Amino acid sequence: MGIKLTDSDTIPIMLESGFKPLESYPGANTPWKCLHIECGQIVYPRFSNVKNGKGCKICSGNQKFTEEKVKEIFPFAMDKMVLKYRFS
């Protein structure tokens, strides 16, 4: 079993990587609610990923969206896309 990390161990690393934690440290492999300082979005990186050099999924273009989120972002385009594929 490894050394148990605390907020005082992990928060400086998160801040240095551009993430401002919004809750206490949940564990290395648990999503951690943070504000990504560069893009201003609430994100949930794992400390282990940040420590290994991974960044914001939104900024990198790797964020997966639910159908509800897509509808929220593109309400009019979603209707057109559904109609296009339904009748093509």
C-alpha atoms as a PDB file:
ATOM      1  CA  MET A   1       0.000   0.000   0.000  1.00  0.00           C
ATOM      2  CA  GLY A   2       1.345   3.454  -0.931  1.00  0.00           C
ATOM      3  CA  ILE A   3       1.603   6.680   1.001  1.00  0.00           C
ATOM      4  CA  LYS A   4      -1.769   8.312   1.718  1.00  0.00           C
ATOM      5  CA  LEU A   5      -1.830  11.749   0.088  1.00  0.00           C
ATOM      6  CA  THR A   6      -3.657  14.773   1.483  1.00  0.00           C
ATOM      7  CA  ASP A   7      -4.912  18.098   0.151  1.00  0.00           C
ATOM      8  CA  SER A   8      -1.614  19.732   1.115  1.00  0.00           C
ATOM      9  CA  ASP A   9       0.252  17.165  -1.030  1.00  0.00           C
ATOM     10  CA  THR A  10      -2.015  17.294  -4.068  1.00  0.00           C
ATOM     11  CA  ILE A  11      -3.469  20.805  -4.399  1.00  0.00           C
ATOM     12  CA  PRO A  12      -0.130  22.479  -5.307  1.00  0.00           C
ATOM     13  CA  ILE A  13       0.340  19.951  -8.138  1.00  0.00           C
ATOM     14  CA  MET A  14      -3.187  20.565  -9.400  1.00  0.00           C
ATOM     15  CA  LEU A  15      -2.729  24.353  -9.301  1.00  0.00           C
ATOM     16  CA  GLU A  16       0.614  24.082 -11.099  1.00  0.00           C
ATOM     17  CA  SER A  17      -1.170  22.070 -13.800  1.00  0.00           C
ATOM     18  CA  GLY A  18      -3.918  24.692 -14.191  1.00  0.00           C
ATOM     19  CA  PHE A  19      -6.679  23.075 -12.115  1.00  0.00           C
ATOM     20  CA  LYS A  20      -8.255  24.707  -9.040  1.00  0.00           C
ATOM     21  CA  PRO A  21      -9.801  21.972  -6.863  1.00  0.00           C
ATOM     22  CA  LEU A  22     -13.356  22.759  -5.708  1.00  0.00           C
ATOM     23  CA  GLU A  23     -13.558  19.949  -3.146  1.00  0.00           C
ATOM     24  CA  SER A  24     -11.227  17.921  -0.941  1.00  0.00           C
ATOM     25  CA  TYR A  25      -8.865  15.368  -2.465  1.00  0.00           C
ATOM     26  CA  PRO A  26     -10.938  12.220  -3.227  1.00  0.00           C
ATOM     27  CA  GLY A  27      -8.122   9.806  -4.077  1.00  0.00           C
ATOM     28  CA  ALA A  28      -5.728   9.342  -6.995  1.00  0.00           C
ATOM     29  CA  ASN A  29      -8.104   7.466  -9.299  1.00  0.00           C
ATOM     30  CA  THR A  30     -11.365   9.209  -8.424  1.00  0.00           C
ATOM     31  CA  PRO A  31     -12.638  12.130 -10.553  1.00  0.00           C
ATOM     32  CA  TRP A  32     -11.945  15.378  -8.678  1.00  0.00           C
ATOM     33  CA  LYS A  33     -14.214  18.399  -9.213  1.00  0.00           C
ATOM     34  CA  CYS A  34     -11.993  21.276 -10.366  1.00  0.00           C
ATOM     35  CA  LEU A  35     -12.102  24.527 -12.258  1.00  0.00           C
ATOM     36  CA  HIS A  36      -9.790  24.492 -15.258  1.00  0.00           C
ATOM     37  CA  ILE A  37      -8.271  27.933 -14.979  1.00  0.00           C
ATOM     38  CA  GLU A  38      -7.482  28.334 -18.696  1.00  0.00           C
ATOM     39  CA  CYS A  39     -10.936  27.586 -20.133  1.00  0.00           C
ATOM     40  CA  GLY A  40     -13.062  28.335 -17.044  1.00  0.00           C
ATOM     41  CA  GLN A  41     -14.950  25.033 -17.235  1.00  0.00           C
ATOM     42  CA  ILE A  42     -15.789  22.696 -14.352  1.00  0.00           C
ATOM     43  CA  VAL A  43     -13.976  19.421 -15.062  1.00  0.00           C
ATOM     44  CA  TYR A  44     -13.345  16.157 -13.235  1.00  0.00           C
ATOM     45  CA  PRO A  45      -9.743  15.054 -13.789  1.00  0.00           C
ATOM     46  CA  ARG A  46      -8.182  12.205 -11.837  1.00  0.00           C
ATOM     47  CA  PHE A  47      -5.132  13.261  -9.805  1.00  0.00           C
ATOM     48  CA  SER A  48      -3.160  10.320 -11.211  1.00  0.00           C
ATOM     49  CA  ASN A  49      -3.780  11.566 -14.779  1.00  0.00           C
ATOM     50  CA  VAL A  50      -2.821  15.157 -13.946  1.00  0.00           C
ATOM     51  CA  LYS A  51       0.311  13.975 -12.160  1.00  0.00           C
ATOM     52  CA  ASN A  52       1.214  12.006 -15.311  1.00  0.00           C
ATOM     53  CA  GLY A  53       0.902  15.122 -17.486  1.00  0.00           C
ATOM     54  CA  LYS A  54      -2.641  14.875 -18.837  1.00  0.00           C
ATOM     55  CA  GLY A  55      -4.627  18.079 -19.124  1.00  0.00           C
ATOM     56  CA  CYS A  56      -8.164  19.310 -19.652  1.00  0.00           C
ATOM     57  CA  LYS A  57     -10.350  17.009 -21.774  1.00  0.00           C
ATOM     58  CA  ILE A  58     -12.406  19.960 -22.984  1.00  0.00           C
ATOM     59  CA  CYS A  59      -9.386  21.968 -24.168  1.00  0.00           C
ATOM     60  CA  SER A  60      -7.816  18.911 -25.799  1.00  0.00           C
ATOM     61  CA  GLY A  61     -11.043  18.050 -27.647  1.00  0.00           C
ATOM     62  CA  ASN A  62     -11.367  14.660 -25.936  1.00  0.00           C
ATOM     63  CA  GLN A  63     -14.450  15.422 -23.840  1.00  0.00           C
ATOM     64  CA  LYS A  64     -17.352  13.065 -24.554  1.00  0.00           C
ATOM     65  CA  PHE A  65     -20.803  14.641 -24.459  1.00  0.00           C
ATOM     66  CA  THR A  66     -24.149  13.126 -23.610  1.00  0.00           C
ATOM     67  CA  GLU A  67     -27.056  13.568 -26.015  1.00  0.00           C
ATOM     68  CA  GLU A  68     -28.604  16.021 -23.534  1.00  0.00           C
ATOM     69  CA  LYS A  69     -25.438  18.169 -23.487  1.00  0.00           C
ATOM     70  CA  VAL A  70     -25.297  18.194 -27.301  1.00  0.00           C
ATOM     71  CA  LYS A  71     -28.932  19.323 -27.415  1.00  0.00           C
ATOM     72  CA  GLU A  72     -28.133  22.072 -24.896  1.00  0.00           C
ATOM     73  CA  ILE A  73     -25.141  23.308 -26.895  1.00  0.00           C
ATOM     74  CA  PHE A  74     -26.653  22.907 -30.379  1.00  0.00           C
ATOM     75  CA  PRO A  75     -30.441  23.025 -29.957  1.00  0.00           C
ATOM     76  CA  PHE A  76     -31.296  23.982 -33.540  1.00  0.00           C
ATOM     77  CA  ALA A  77     -28.552  21.994 -35.235  1.00  0.00           C
ATOM     78  CA  MET A  78     -29.584  18.833 -33.369  1.00  0.00           C
ATOM     79  CA  ASP A  79     -33.106  18.972 -34.823  1.00  0.00           C
ATOM     80  CA  LYS A  80     -31.707  19.399 -38.340  1.00  0.00           C
ATOM     81  CA  MET A  81     -29.215  16.545 -37.883  1.00  0.00           C
ATOM     82  CA  VAL A  82     -31.925  14.178 -36.652  1.00  0.00           C
ATOM     83  CA  LEU A  83     -34.219  15.055 -39.554  1.00  0.00           C
ATOM     84  CA  LYS A  84     -31.386  14.703 -42.079  1.00  0.00           C
ATOM     85  CA  TYR A  85     -30.456  11.209 -40.932  1.00  0.00           C
ATOM     86  CA  ARG A  86     -34.021  10.072 -40.333  1.00  0.00           C
ATOM     87  CA  PHE A  87     -35.047  10.805 -43.923  1.00  0.00           C
ATOM     88  CA  SER A  88     -31.862  10.080 -45.851  1.00  0.00           C
END
